[in-house]
């Protein structure tokens, strides 16, 4: 009796392992290649408001990155809000964590206004 149970468990285990191998072989496909160039950021418009403000400082300090860490959430939110209100071409919000709260609604409203003015 015990041998029959062990054989059934062994067959079940073999069937599961076989199914997993088949599933792995079927699902292993490469993504299609893309002929598009890799885009890391939009091209800089030197006539834009932000570029006109920043480019002279970049020229004065060529060895600096220009990054300024924002120490708290209020500063980060206000910086994004100001950038969205003055946006002329693009906005980069990939690192903003959205919540259904006052700050999320304020930023969404500012983004909506920026999108409407771009049309």
Protein backbone atom coordinates (compact mmCIF):
# COMPACT_ATOMS: atom_id res chain seq x y z
CA UNK A 1 0.00 0.00 0.00
CA UNK A 2 2.78 2.44 0.91
CA UNK A 3 4.62 1.64 -2.32
CA UNK A 4 1.50 2.48 -4.36
CA UNK A 5 1.19 5.86 -2.62
CA UNK A 6 4.88 6.61 -3.18
CA UNK A 7 4.56 5.68 -6.87
CA UNK A 8 1.53 7.97 -7.26
CA UNK A 9 3.33 10.84 -5.53
CA UNK A 10 6.39 10.26 -7.69
CA UNK A 11 4.24 10.28 -10.86
CA UNK A 12 2.47 13.44 -9.68
CA UNK A 13 5.80 15.12 -8.95
CA UNK A 14 7.15 14.05 -12.35
CA UNK A 15 4.02 15.41 -14.08
CA UNK A 16 4.31 18.73 -12.25
CA UNK A 17 8.01 18.99 -13.09
CA UNK A 18 7.35 18.11 -16.73
CA UNK A 19 4.57 20.73 -16.89
CA UNK A 20 6.86 23.38 -15.43
CA UNK A 21 9.60 22.58 -17.94
CA UNK A 22 7.13 22.75 -20.85
CA UNK A 23 5.71 26.03 -19.50
CA UNK A 24 9.21 27.48 -19.17
CA UNK A 25 10.11 26.46 -22.72
CA UNK A 26 6.89 27.90 -24.14
CA UNK A 27 7.16 31.19 -22.25
CA UNK A 28 10.85 31.75 -22.97
CA UNK A 29 10.71 34.11 -25.91
CA UNK A 30 12.76 37.17 -26.57
CA UNK A 31 11.06 40.50 -26.91
CA UNK A 32 10.98 41.85 -30.44
CA UNK A 33 13.88 44.12 -31.28
CA UNK A 34 13.20 47.77 -31.79
CA UNK A 35 14.85 49.96 -34.39
CA UNK A 36 14.07 53.10 -32.42
CA UNK A 37 16.98 54.92 -30.81
CA UNK A 38 17.12 54.75 -27.03
CA UNK A 39 15.63 57.91 -25.53
CA UNK A 40 16.90 59.03 -22.16
CA UNK A 41 15.52 62.55 -22.19
CA UNK A 42 13.86 64.93 -24.63
CA UNK A 43 16.17 67.20 -26.61
CA UNK A 44 16.98 70.48 -24.90
CA UNK A 45 15.32 73.57 -26.31
CA UNK A 46 17.86 76.35 -25.60
CA UNK A 47 15.14 78.97 -26.02
CA UNK A 48 12.96 77.56 -23.25
CA UNK A 49 12.50 79.42 -19.98
CA UNK A 50 14.25 76.79 -17.88
CA UNK A 51 17.17 76.44 -20.31
CA UNK A 52 17.65 80.21 -20.49
CA UNK A 53 17.83 80.27 -16.70
CA UNK A 54 20.04 77.21 -16.21
CA UNK A 55 22.45 77.19 -19.18
CA UNK A 56 24.50 80.23 -18.04
CA UNK A 57 25.03 78.55 -14.65
CA UNK A 58 26.03 75.29 -16.35
CA UNK A 59 28.60 77.20 -18.41
CA UNK A 60 30.03 78.81 -15.25
CA UNK A 61 30.32 75.46 -13.45
CA UNK A 62 31.10 72.79 -16.07
CA UNK A 63 32.36 70.23 -13.55
CA UNK A 64 29.21 70.20 -11.42
CA UNK A 65 26.16 68.01 -12.05
CA UNK A 66 23.53 70.63 -11.36
CA UNK A 67 21.64 68.26 -9.07
CA UNK A 68 20.17 69.71 -5.93
CA UNK A 69 18.72 67.22 -3.45
CA UNK A 70 15.38 68.23 -2.03
CA UNK A 71 15.41 67.27 1.62
CA UNK A 72 11.74 67.03 2.42
CA UNK A 73 8.47 66.23 0.72
CA UNK A 74 7.18 69.81 0.82
CA UNK A 75 10.19 71.12 -1.10
CA UNK A 76 9.91 68.29 -3.63
CA UNK A 77 6.20 68.94 -4.11
CA UNK A 78 6.63 72.70 -4.49
CA UNK A 79 9.47 72.19 -7.00
CA UNK A 80 7.32 69.86 -9.11
CA UNK A 81 4.36 72.23 -8.86
CA UNK A 82 6.49 75.19 -10.00
CA UNK A 83 7.98 73.18 -12.87
CA UNK A 84 4.56 72.01 -14.02
CA UNK A 85 3.15 75.54 -13.90
CA UNK A 86 6.01 76.82 -16.07
CA UNK A 87 6.35 73.81 -18.37
CA UNK A 88 6.66 74.68 -22.04
CA UNK A 89 7.34 71.33 -23.72
CA UNK A 90 7.64 68.29 -21.46
CA UNK A 91 7.26 67.15 -17.87
CA UNK A 92 9.11 64.30 -16.17
CA UNK A 93 7.11 62.89 -13.29
CA UNK A 94 8.31 59.31 -13.33
CA UNK A 95 9.47 59.47 -9.71
CA UNK A 96 6.39 61.16 -8.25
CA UNK A 97 4.38 58.85 -5.99
CA UNK A 98 0.71 59.67 -6.48
CA UNK A 99 -1.77 59.59 -3.63
CA UNK A 100 -5.43 60.55 -3.58
CA UNK A 101 -4.82 63.55 -1.35
CA UNK A 102 -4.61 67.34 -1.52
CA UNK A 103 -1.09 67.46 -2.97
CA UNK A 104 -1.95 64.82 -5.59
CA UNK A 105 -5.03 66.79 -6.65
CA UNK A 106 -3.12 70.08 -6.76
CA UNK A 107 -0.38 68.63 -8.94
CA UNK A 108 -2.92 66.90 -11.18
CA UNK A 109 -4.76 70.20 -11.62
CA UNK A 110 -1.49 71.94 -12.50
CA UNK A 111 -0.63 69.20 -15.00
CA UNK A 112 -4.07 69.46 -16.56
CA UNK A 113 -3.63 73.23 -16.99
CA UNK A 114 -0.19 72.68 -18.53
CA UNK A 115 -1.63 70.14 -20.97
CA UNK A 116 -4.48 72.48 -21.91
CA UNK A 117 -2.12 75.37 -22.56
CA UNK A 118 0.07 73.14 -24.75
CA UNK A 119 -2.78 72.38 -27.16
